[in-house]
Amino acid sequence: MEISELKKPQLGLKASTAKSQLTDRLKYQPEVFEFFTSETDFTVEGLKKLSAAIELVKNVATDKIILHHPMRYQGEYTELIAPQKVFPELNKFIDRSTNSLLQLAFDFKVQVLLHGSYSRHTQNMIDLYPSLAAADTAALKRLDYFAQLGQQRIMFENSLSPIFYFGNPAVDQVIYERNYRLAFDTSHCFIKENGNNTHLLASLEFLKPHIVHYHLVDSMGEKHDSLQLGKGKINWQSILPALNSKATNIYEINLKNQDDCQEQIASHQYLTKIYQKFVKS
């Protein structure tokens, strides 16, 4: 492939709005920044703090900013398939928080990331539907709604659950045809496909035109381990050429210390060395 088509790894870091985390991340001058939000960010004061943090990152480092929708509300995962009648408050929170993030996205010209599903409590939700197909249809209906609402300011991330995952050719085809803007988590796909690099690569290449953002994460392919790049079994030498060069990326790695992103930095250094080998060859 042409070097111009090869994605140059971006230093993409992730943090909450905590001052200690922001101070740590911003000293590295990240090219991409992702805010991991929680339900506490959606109070009046919380939204003010998030707005101020977005302005800070834009002024100090980058305007390539992604706002990650909160994973939980009052202990329950923010599953899009949560039936309205059974989980009325959860649904209200999902709608309210997504609307709040989209308002920020349009105001600050940044992006919102919404999970199509999770995995921890998903089966309990699926069991409330007549079938898996019915639950899947409900998820796609919700995604269609948010896609229309967010337009070019929203993207959807793949899960580890039976709902909205990447790696199965038939499922990938359905997602491709809906023209969603996608956030591709490499570890989620790798784990879902039982540690199969061939399947991961095929999914990355097939969905590539619709991928706008990557969570670059390694894994042993057995469970959700969120490893530093080079510490798992993903073949990054083959993965790098399959990435969309126009998309952004962050390193969504488990940190030993949330105030020290060294594992994210080390992941970037690891992938950059692979990139440099391609450039020199």
C-alpha atoms as a PDB file:
ATOM      1  CA  MET A   1       0.000   0.000   0.000  1.00  0.00           C
ATOM      2  CA  GLU A   2       1.038   3.629  -0.468  1.00  0.00           C
ATOM      3  CA  ILE A   3       2.587   5.218   2.625  1.00  0.00           C
ATOM      4  CA  SER A   4       0.080   8.065   2.243  1.00  0.00           C
ATOM      5  CA  GLU A   5      -2.698   5.504   2.843  1.00  0.00           C
ATOM      6  CA  LEU A   6      -1.052   4.080   5.975  1.00  0.00           C
ATOM      7  CA  LYS A   7      -2.552   5.449   9.162  1.00  0.00           C
ATOM      8  CA  LYS A   8       0.028   7.308  11.219  1.00  0.00           C
ATOM      9  CA  PRO A   9      -0.702   6.510  14.878  1.00  0.00           C
ATOM     10  CA  GLN A  10      -2.004   9.500  16.802  1.00  0.00           C
ATOM     11  CA  LEU A  11      -1.214  10.077  20.441  1.00  0.00           C
ATOM     12  CA  GLY A  12      -4.748   9.616  21.709  1.00  0.00           C
ATOM     13  CA  LEU A  13      -5.333   9.751  25.464  1.00  0.00           C
ATOM     14  CA  LYS A  14      -8.359   9.199  27.657  1.00  0.00           C
ATOM     15  CA  ALA A  15      -9.363  10.705  31.003  1.00  0.00           C
ATOM     16  CA  SER A  16     -12.207  11.918  33.165  1.00  0.00           C
ATOM     17  CA  THR A  17     -12.673  15.585  34.025  1.00  0.00           C
ATOM     18  CA  ALA A  18     -10.622  15.126  37.235  1.00  0.00           C
ATOM     19  CA  LYS A  19      -7.969  17.848  37.436  1.00  0.00           C
ATOM     20  CA  SER A  20      -5.238  15.325  38.314  1.00  0.00           C
ATOM     21  CA  GLN A  21      -5.975  13.256  35.199  1.00  0.00           C
ATOM     22  CA  LEU A  22      -6.210  16.288  32.911  1.00  0.00           C
ATOM     23  CA  THR A  23      -2.904  17.660  34.207  1.00  0.00           C
ATOM     24  CA  ASP A  24      -1.217  14.313  33.560  1.00  0.00           C
ATOM     25  CA  ARG A  25      -2.611  13.833  30.031  1.00  0.00           C
ATOM     26  CA  LEU A  26      -2.126  17.383  28.796  1.00  0.00           C
ATOM     27  CA  LYS A  27       1.589  17.457  29.566  1.00  0.00           C
ATOM     28  CA  TYR A  28       2.006  14.983  26.674  1.00  0.00           C
ATOM     29  CA  GLN A  29       0.197  17.273  24.189  1.00  0.00           C
ATOM     30  CA  PRO A  30      -2.175  14.591  22.861  1.00  0.00           C
ATOM     31  CA  GLU A  31      -3.393  14.774  19.262  1.00  0.00           C
ATOM     32  CA  VAL A  32      -6.728  13.170  20.225  1.00  0.00           C
ATOM     33  CA  PHE A  33      -8.487  13.342  23.588  1.00  0.00           C
ATOM     34  CA  GLU A  34     -11.411  11.263  24.811  1.00  0.00           C
ATOM     35  CA  PHE A  35     -13.427  12.137  27.898  1.00  0.00           C
ATOM     36  CA  PHE A  36     -14.826   9.150  29.765  1.00  0.00           C
ATOM     37  CA  THR A  37     -17.985  10.549  31.345  1.00  0.00           C
ATOM     38  CA  SER A  38     -20.026   9.246  34.266  1.00  0.00           C
ATOM     39  CA  GLU A  39     -23.502  10.040  35.592  1.00  0.00           C
ATOM     40  CA  THR A  40     -22.044  12.717  37.907  1.00  0.00           C
ATOM     41  CA  ASP A  41     -21.112  14.745  34.806  1.00  0.00           C
ATOM     42  CA  PHE A  42     -24.792  15.334  34.055  1.00  0.00           C
ATOM     43  CA  THR A  43     -25.738  17.541  36.954  1.00  0.00           C
ATOM     44  CA  VAL A  44     -25.771  21.300  36.313  1.00  0.00           C
ATOM     45  CA  GLU A  45     -22.347  21.638  37.935  1.00  0.00           C
ATOM     46  CA  GLY A  46     -21.069  18.494  36.258  1.00  0.00           C
ATOM     47  CA  LEU A  47     -21.916  19.797  32.795  1.00  0.00           C
ATOM     48  CA  LYS A  48     -20.233  23.125  33.615  1.00  0.00           C
ATOM     49  CA  LYS A  49     -17.096  21.249  34.673  1.00  0.00           C
ATOM     50  CA  LEU A  50     -17.173  19.122  31.507  1.00  0.00           C
ATOM     51  CA  SER A  51     -17.600  22.220  29.330  1.00  0.00           C
ATOM     52  CA  ALA A  52     -14.634  23.893  31.037  1.00  0.00           C
ATOM     53  CA  ALA A  53     -12.535  20.747  30.571  1.00  0.00           C
ATOM     54  CA  ILE A  54     -13.374  20.615  26.851  1.00  0.00           C
ATOM     55  CA  GLU A  55     -12.318  24.259  26.492  1.00  0.00           C
ATOM     56  CA  LEU A  56      -9.090  23.543  28.355  1.00  0.00           C
ATOM     57  CA  VAL A  57      -8.163  20.607  26.103  1.00  0.00           C
ATOM     58  CA  LYS A  58      -9.000  22.626  22.983  1.00  0.00           C
ATOM     59  CA  ASN A  59      -6.881  25.562  24.137  1.00  0.00           C
ATOM     60  CA  VAL A  60      -3.906  23.533  25.379  1.00  0.00           C
ATOM     61  CA  ALA A  61      -3.715  20.508  23.085  1.00  0.00           C
ATOM     62  CA  THR A  62      -6.239  19.526  20.418  1.00  0.00           C
ATOM     63  CA  ASP A  63      -9.700  20.054  18.954  1.00  0.00           C
ATOM     64  CA  LYS A  64     -10.019  16.328  18.152  1.00  0.00           C
ATOM     65  CA  ILE A  65     -12.155  15.516  21.190  1.00  0.00           C
ATOM     66  CA  ILE A  66     -14.545  12.619  21.786  1.00  0.00           C
ATOM     67  CA  LEU A  67     -17.123  12.509  24.587  1.00  0.00           C
ATOM     68  CA  HIS A  68     -17.703   8.904  25.672  1.00  0.00           C
ATOM     69  CA  HIS A  69     -21.253   8.303  26.902  1.00  0.00           C
ATOM     70  CA  PRO A  70     -21.433   7.026  30.523  1.00  0.00           C
ATOM     71  CA  MET A  71     -21.393   3.258  31.000  1.00  0.00           C
ATOM     72  CA  ARG A  72     -23.686   3.153  34.021  1.00  0.00           C
ATOM     73  CA  TYR A  73     -26.604   4.873  35.697  1.00  0.00           C
ATOM     74  CA  GLN A  74     -27.431   4.012  39.308  1.00  0.00           C
ATOM     75  CA  GLY A  75     -25.529   0.734  38.998  1.00  0.00           C
ATOM     76  CA  GLU A  76     -27.200  -0.381  35.765  1.00  0.00           C
ATOM     77  CA  TYR A  77     -25.428  -0.395  32.405  1.00  0.00           C
ATOM     78  CA  THR A  78     -26.737   2.100  29.868  1.00  0.00           C
ATOM     79  CA  GLU A  79     -28.052  -0.562  27.505  1.00  0.00           C
ATOM     80  CA  LEU A  80     -29.973   0.842  24.549  1.00  0.00           C
ATOM     81  CA  ILE A  81     -32.228  -2.231  24.538  1.00  0.00           C
ATOM     82  CA  ALA A  82     -33.409  -1.624  28.129  1.00  0.00           C
ATOM     83  CA  PRO A  83     -37.214  -1.852  27.760  1.00  0.00           C
ATOM     84  CA  GLN A  84     -38.931   1.451  28.522  1.00  0.00           C
ATOM     85  CA  LYS A  85     -41.617  -0.132  30.723  1.00  0.00           C
ATOM     86  CA  VAL A  86     -39.109  -2.003  32.882  1.00  0.00           C
ATOM     87  CA  PHE A  87     -36.383   0.676  33.020  1.00  0.00           C
ATOM     88  CA  PRO A  88     -38.107   4.071  32.683  1.00  0.00           C
ATOM     89  CA  GLU A  89     -35.495   6.044  34.654  1.00  0.00           C
ATOM     90  CA  LEU A  90     -32.582   4.421  32.822  1.00  0.00           C
ATOM     91  CA  ASN A  91     -34.149   5.325  29.494  1.00  0.00           C
ATOM     92  CA  LYS A  92     -34.700   8.902  30.625  1.00  0.00           C
ATOM     93  CA  PHE A  93     -31.054   9.137  31.635  1.00  0.00           C
ATOM     94  CA  ILE A  94     -29.793   7.662  28.346  1.00  0.00           C
ATOM     95  CA  ASP A  95     -31.845  10.180  26.377  1.00  0.00           C
ATOM     96  CA  ARG A  96     -30.985  13.139  28.621  1.00  0.00           C
ATOM     97  CA  SER A  97     -27.268  12.396  28.799  1.00  0.00           C
ATOM     98  CA  THR A  98     -26.969  11.748  25.056  1.00  0.00           C
ATOM     99  CA  ASN A  99     -28.801  14.988  24.307  1.00  0.00           C
ATOM    100  CA  SER A 100     -26.525  16.877  26.706  1.00  0.00           C
ATOM    101  CA  LEU A 101     -23.398  15.436  25.082  1.00  0.00           C
ATOM    102  CA  LEU A 102     -24.687  16.201  21.602  1.00  0.00           C
ATOM    103  CA  GLN A 103     -25.402  19.782  22.616  1.00  0.00           C
ATOM    104  CA  LEU A 104     -21.785  20.072  23.738  1.00  0.00           C
ATOM    105  CA  ALA A 105     -20.640  18.376  20.534  1.00  0.00           C
ATOM    106  CA  PHE A 106     -22.461  20.856  18.328  1.00  0.00           C
ATOM    107  CA  ASP A 107     -21.400  23.828  20.472  1.00  0.00           C
ATOM    108  CA  PHE A 108     -17.710  22.863  20.641  1.00  0.00           C
ATOM    109  CA  LYS A 109     -17.500  20.990  17.302  1.00  0.00           C
ATOM    110  CA  VAL A 110     -16.444  17.735  18.927  1.00  0.00           C
ATOM    111  CA  GLN A 111     -17.722  14.135  18.789  1.00  0.00           C
ATOM    112  CA  VAL A 112     -19.946  11.872  20.900  1.00  0.00           C
ATOM    113  CA  LEU A 113     -19.343   8.131  21.289  1.00  0.00           C
ATOM    114  CA  LEU A 114     -22.272   5.903  22.192  1.00  0.00           C
ATOM    115  CA  HIS A 115     -22.030   2.164  22.887  1.00  0.00           C
ATOM    116  CA  GLY A 116     -24.366  -0.003  20.838  1.00  0.00           C
ATOM    117  CA  SER A 117     -24.331  -2.397  23.792  1.00  0.00           C
ATOM    118  CA  TYR A 118     -22.134  -3.607  26.643  1.00  0.00           C
ATOM    119  CA  SER A 119     -22.070  -7.202  27.925  1.00  0.00           C
ATOM    120  CA  ARG A 120     -22.337  -7.419  31.698  1.00  0.00           C
ATOM    121  CA  HIS A 121     -26.130  -7.191  32.063  1.00  0.00           C
ATOM    122  CA  THR A 122     -27.076  -7.484  28.404  1.00  0.00           C
ATOM    123  CA  GLN A 123     -28.410 -11.038  28.518  1.00  0.00           C
ATOM    124  CA  ASN A 124     -30.817 -10.026  31.297  1.00  0.00           C
ATOM    125  CA  MET A 125     -32.149  -7.331  28.958  1.00  0.00           C
ATOM    126  CA  ILE A 126     -32.347  -9.692  25.964  1.00  0.00           C
ATOM    127  CA  ASP A 127     -34.369 -12.146  28.060  1.00  0.00           C
ATOM    128  CA  LEU A 128     -37.088  -9.473  28.375  1.00  0.00           C
ATOM    129  CA  TYR A 129     -37.679  -9.686  24.601  1.00  0.00           C
ATOM    130  CA  PRO A 130     -39.451 -12.465  22.664  1.00  0.00           C
ATOM    131  CA  SER A 131     -36.157 -13.323  20.936  1.00  0.00           C
ATOM    132  CA  LEU A 132     -32.598 -12.164  20.300  1.00  0.00           C
ATOM    133  CA  ALA A 133     -33.742 -10.924  16.892  1.00  0.00           C
ATOM    134  CA  ALA A 134     -36.378  -8.725  18.543  1.00  0.00           C
ATOM    135  CA  ALA A 135     -33.785  -7.269  20.921  1.00  0.00           C
ATOM    136  CA  ASP A 136     -31.406  -6.657  18.021  1.00  0.00           C
ATOM    137  CA  THR A 137     -34.140  -4.858  16.091  1.00  0.00           C
ATOM    138  CA  ALA A 138     -34.835  -2.663  19.134  1.00  0.00           C
ATOM    139  CA  ALA A 139     -31.129  -1.776  19.387  1.00  0.00           C
ATOM    140  CA  LEU A 140     -30.920  -0.817  15.708  1.00  0.00           C
ATOM    141  CA  LYS A 141     -34.056   1.305  16.051  1.00  0.00           C
ATOM    142  CA  ARG A 142     -32.451   3.238  18.925  1.00  0.00           C
ATOM    143  CA  LEU A 143     -29.190   3.599  16.992  1.00  0.00           C
ATOM    144  CA  ASP A 144     -31.096   4.893  13.966  1.00  0.00           C
ATOM    145  CA  TYR A 145     -32.755   7.495  16.193  1.00  0.00           C
ATOM    146  CA  PHE A 146     -29.461   8.693  17.680  1.00  0.00           C
ATOM    147  CA  ALA A 147     -27.740   8.616  14.281  1.00  0.00           C
ATOM    148  CA  GLN A 148     -30.412  10.961  12.929  1.00  0.00           C
ATOM    149  CA  LEU A 149     -30.170  13.154  16.016  1.00  0.00           C
ATOM    150  CA  GLY A 150     -26.383  13.401  16.081  1.00  0.00           C
ATOM    151  CA  GLN A 151     -25.614  13.350  12.348  1.00  0.00           C
ATOM    152  CA  GLN A 152     -21.848  13.892  11.868  1.00  0.00           C
ATOM    153  CA  ARG A 153     -21.319  14.418  15.612  1.00  0.00           C
ATOM    154  CA  ILE A 154     -22.055  10.869  16.809  1.00  0.00           C
ATOM    155  CA  MET A 155     -20.425   7.452  16.464  1.00  0.00           C
ATOM    156  CA  PHE A 156     -21.262   3.969  17.745  1.00  0.00           C
ATOM    157  CA  GLU A 157     -18.840   1.533  19.394  1.00  0.00           C
ATOM    158  CA  ASN A 158     -18.894  -2.261  19.065  1.00  0.00           C
ATOM    159  CA  SER A 159     -19.683  -4.448  22.050  1.00  0.00           C
ATOM    160  CA  LEU A 160     -18.824  -7.842  23.494  1.00  0.00           C
ATOM    161  CA  SER A 161     -22.493  -8.786  23.777  1.00  0.00           C
ATOM    162  CA  PRO A 162     -24.801 -10.519  21.257  1.00  0.00           C
ATOM    163  CA  ILE A 163     -25.997  -7.000  20.332  1.00  0.00           C
ATOM    164  CA  PHE A 164     -24.044  -4.655  18.016  1.00  0.00           C
ATOM    165  CA  TYR A 165     -20.716  -6.417  17.799  1.00  0.00           C
ATOM    166  CA  PHE A 166     -18.150  -6.571  14.985  1.00  0.00           C
ATOM    167  CA  GLY A 167     -16.421  -9.637  13.525  1.00  0.00           C
ATOM    168  CA  ASN A 168     -19.263 -11.773  12.183  1.00  0.00           C
ATOM    169  CA  PRO A 169     -19.510 -11.158   8.395  1.00  0.00           C
ATOM    170  CA  ALA A 170     -23.319 -11.269   8.384  1.00  0.00           C
ATOM    171  CA  VAL A 171     -23.597  -8.843  11.303  1.00  0.00           C
ATOM    172  CA  ASP A 172     -20.912  -6.575   9.818  1.00  0.00           C
ATOM    173  CA  GLN A 173     -22.898  -6.475   6.567  1.00  0.00           C
ATOM    174  CA  VAL A 174     -26.055  -5.302   8.352  1.00  0.00           C
ATOM    175  CA  ILE A 175     -24.108  -2.590  10.179  1.00  0.00           C
ATOM    176  CA  TYR A 176     -22.276  -1.525   7.014  1.00  0.00           C
ATOM    177  CA  GLU A 177     -25.539  -1.066   5.126  1.00  0.00           C
ATOM    178  CA  ARG A 178     -26.945   1.258   7.809  1.00  0.00           C
ATOM    179  CA  ASN A 179     -24.133   3.769   7.171  1.00  0.00           C
ATOM    180  CA  TYR A 180     -23.462   4.385  10.837  1.00  0.00           C
ATOM    181  CA  ARG A 181     -20.329   6.300  11.815  1.00  0.00           C
ATOM    182  CA  LEU A 182     -18.375   3.658  13.723  1.00  0.00           C
ATOM    183  CA  ALA A 183     -15.926   3.550  16.623  1.00  0.00           C
ATOM    184  CA  PHE A 184     -13.990   0.275  16.376  1.00  0.00           C
ATOM    185  CA  ASP A 185     -12.568  -1.228  19.579  1.00  0.00           C
ATOM    186  CA  THR A 186      -9.941  -3.752  18.467  1.00  0.00           C
ATOM    187  CA  SER A 187      -9.985  -5.746  21.698  1.00  0.00           C
ATOM    188  CA  HIS A 188     -13.778  -6.112  21.707  1.00  0.00           C
ATOM    189  CA  CYS A 189     -13.756  -7.614  18.220  1.00  0.00           C
ATOM    190  CA  PHE A 190     -10.722  -9.808  18.997  1.00  0.00           C
ATOM    191  CA  ILE A 191     -12.331 -11.206  22.156  1.00  0.00           C
ATOM    192  CA  LYS A 192     -15.699 -11.673  20.459  1.00  0.00           C
ATOM    193  CA  GLU A 193     -13.924 -13.694  17.754  1.00  0.00           C
ATOM    194  CA  ASN A 194     -12.099 -15.832  20.349  1.00  0.00           C
ATOM    195  CA  GLY A 195      -8.663 -14.341  19.702  1.00  0.00           C
ATOM    196  CA  ASN A 196      -8.788 -14.800  15.922  1.00  0.00           C
ATOM    197  CA  ASN A 197      -6.547 -12.225  14.201  1.00  0.00           C
ATOM    198  CA  THR A 198      -7.832 -13.201  10.745  1.00  0.00           C
ATOM    199  CA  HIS A 199     -11.417 -12.387  11.718  1.00  0.00           C
ATOM    200  CA  LEU A 200     -10.356  -9.121  13.384  1.00  0.00           C
ATOM    201  CA  LEU A 201      -8.452  -8.073  10.265  1.00  0.00           C
ATOM    202  CA  ALA A 202     -11.360  -8.976   7.971  1.00  0.00           C
ATOM    203  CA  SER A 203     -13.796  -6.927  10.046  1.00  0.00           C
ATOM    204  CA  LEU A 204     -11.441  -3.926  10.159  1.00  0.00           C
ATOM    205  CA  GLU A 205     -11.005  -4.002   6.391  1.00  0.00           C
ATOM    206  CA  PHE A 206     -14.691  -4.518   5.609  1.00  0.00           C
ATOM    207  CA  LEU A 207     -15.992  -1.767   7.924  1.00  0.00           C
ATOM    208  CA  LYS A 208     -13.091   0.602   7.181  1.00  0.00           C
ATOM    209  CA  PRO A 209     -15.084   3.127   5.071  1.00  0.00           C
ATOM    210  CA  HIS A 210     -17.455   3.758   7.999  1.00  0.00           C
ATOM    211  CA  ILE A 211     -14.888   3.815  10.827  1.00  0.00           C
ATOM    212  CA  VAL A 212     -14.157   7.308  12.147  1.00  0.00           C
ATOM    213  CA  HIS A 213     -12.439   6.433  15.440  1.00  0.00           C
ATOM    214  CA  TYR A 214     -10.479   3.568  16.980  1.00  0.00           C
ATOM    215  CA  HIS A 215      -9.949   2.297  20.478  1.00  0.00           C
ATOM    216  CA  LEU A 216      -6.563   0.640  19.974  1.00  0.00           C
ATOM    217  CA  VAL A 217      -6.317  -1.964  22.723  1.00  0.00           C
ATOM    218  CA  ASP A 218      -4.531  -5.292  23.027  1.00  0.00           C
ATOM    219  CA  SER A 219      -5.988  -8.469  24.520  1.00  0.00           C
ATOM    220  CA  MET A 220      -5.317 -12.139  25.074  1.00  0.00           C
ATOM    221  CA  GLY A 221      -8.626 -12.760  23.313  1.00  0.00           C
ATOM    222  CA  GLU A 222     -10.335 -14.475  26.224  1.00  0.00           C
ATOM    223  CA  LYS A 223     -11.853 -11.748  28.397  1.00  0.00           C
ATOM    224  CA  HIS A 224     -12.103  -7.970  28.647  1.00  0.00           C
ATOM    225  CA  ASP A 225      -8.516  -7.301  29.743  1.00  0.00           C
ATOM    226  CA  SER A 226      -7.703  -3.932  28.015  1.00  0.00           C
ATOM    227  CA  LEU A 227      -3.974  -4.575  27.666  1.00  0.00           C
ATOM    228  CA  GLN A 228      -1.174  -2.282  26.623  1.00  0.00           C
ATOM    229  CA  LEU A 229      -0.252  -2.763  22.948  1.00  0.00           C
ATOM    230  CA  GLY A 230       2.307  -5.529  22.550  1.00  0.00           C
ATOM    231  CA  LYS A 231       1.199  -7.253  25.772  1.00  0.00           C
ATOM    232  CA  GLY A 232      -1.544  -9.324  24.148  1.00  0.00           C
ATOM    233  CA  LYS A 233      -2.047 -11.500  21.088  1.00  0.00           C
ATOM    234  CA  ILE A 234      -3.268  -8.973  18.517  1.00  0.00           C
ATOM    235  CA  ASN A 235      -0.966  -8.885  15.476  1.00  0.00           C
ATOM    236  CA  TRP A 236      -0.404  -5.132  15.171  1.00  0.00           C
ATOM    237  CA  GLN A 237       1.955  -5.601  12.225  1.00  0.00           C
ATOM    238  CA  SER A 238      -1.028  -6.766  10.141  1.00  0.00           C
ATOM    239  CA  ILE A 239      -3.613  -4.527  11.832  1.00  0.00           C
ATOM    240  CA  LEU A 240      -1.933  -1.162  11.211  1.00  0.00           C
ATOM    241  CA  PRO A 241      -2.278  -1.259   7.379  1.00  0.00           C
ATOM    242  CA  ALA A 242      -5.986  -2.098   7.770  1.00  0.00           C
ATOM    243  CA  LEU A 243      -6.816   1.076   9.693  1.00  0.00           C
ATOM    244  CA  ASN A 244      -8.600   4.028   8.112  1.00  0.00           C
ATOM    245  CA  SER A 245      -5.961   6.757   7.787  1.00  0.00           C
ATOM    246  CA  LYS A 246      -8.640   9.464   8.141  1.00  0.00           C
ATOM    247  CA  ALA A 247      -9.922   8.171  11.489  1.00  0.00           C
ATOM    248  CA  THR A 248      -8.811   9.277  14.950  1.00  0.00           C
ATOM    249  CA  ASN A 249      -7.564   6.899  17.632  1.00  0.00           C
ATOM    250  CA  ILE A 250      -6.943   6.642  21.351  1.00  0.00           C
ATOM    251  CA  TYR A 251      -5.276   3.950  23.461  1.00  0.00           C
ATOM    252  CA  GLU A 252      -7.965   2.680  25.841  1.00  0.00           C
ATOM    253  CA  ILE A 253      -5.700   0.768  28.204  1.00  0.00           C
ATOM    254  CA  ASN A 254      -6.218  -0.249  31.821  1.00  0.00           C
ATOM    255  CA  LEU A 255      -4.008   2.018  33.943  1.00  0.00           C
ATOM    256  CA  LYS A 256      -2.330   1.018  37.202  1.00  0.00           C
ATOM    257  CA  ASN A 257      -2.752   4.636  38.302  1.00  0.00           C
ATOM    258  CA  GLN A 258      -5.508   6.805  36.796  1.00  0.00           C
ATOM    259  CA  ASP A 259      -3.302   9.867  37.321  1.00  0.00           C
ATOM    260  CA  ASP A 260      -0.459   8.381  35.248  1.00  0.00           C
ATOM    261  CA  CYS A 261      -1.169   7.355  31.655  1.00  0.00           C
ATOM    262  CA  GLN A 262       2.167   5.603  31.075  1.00  0.00           C
ATOM    263  CA  GLU A 263       0.495   2.493  29.604  1.00  0.00           C
ATOM    264  CA  GLN A 264      -1.238   4.655  26.995  1.00  0.00           C
ATOM    265  CA  ILE A 265       2.050   6.396  26.151  1.00  0.00           C
ATOM    266  CA  ALA A 266       3.894   3.059  25.899  1.00  0.00           C
ATOM    267  CA  SER A 267       1.187   1.758  23.540  1.00  0.00           C
ATOM    268  CA  HIS A 268       1.650   4.753  21.270  1.00  0.00           C
ATOM    269  CA  GLN A 269       5.415   4.257  21.239  1.00  0.00           C
ATOM    270  CA  TYR A 270       4.943   0.570  20.371  1.00  0.00           C
ATOM    271  CA  LEU A 271       2.629   1.261  17.411  1.00  0.00           C
ATOM    272  CA  THR A 272       4.762   4.176  16.209  1.00  0.00           C
ATOM    273  CA  LYS A 273       7.783   1.840  15.929  1.00  0.00           C
ATOM    274  CA  ILE A 274       5.732  -0.487  13.700  1.00  0.00           C
ATOM    275  CA  TYR A 275       4.635   2.482  11.599  1.00  0.00           C
ATOM    276  CA  GLN A 276       8.226   3.608  11.185  1.00  0.00           C
ATOM    277  CA  LYS A 277       9.227   0.136   9.932  1.00  0.00           C
ATOM    278  CA  PHE A 278       6.581   0.413   7.207  1.00  0.00           C
ATOM    279  CA  VAL A 279       7.805   3.869   6.242  1.00  0.00           C
ATOM    280  CA  LYS A 280      11.431   2.720   5.981  1.00  0.00           C
ATOM    281  CA  SER A 281      10.689  -0.490   4.066  1.00  0.00           C
END
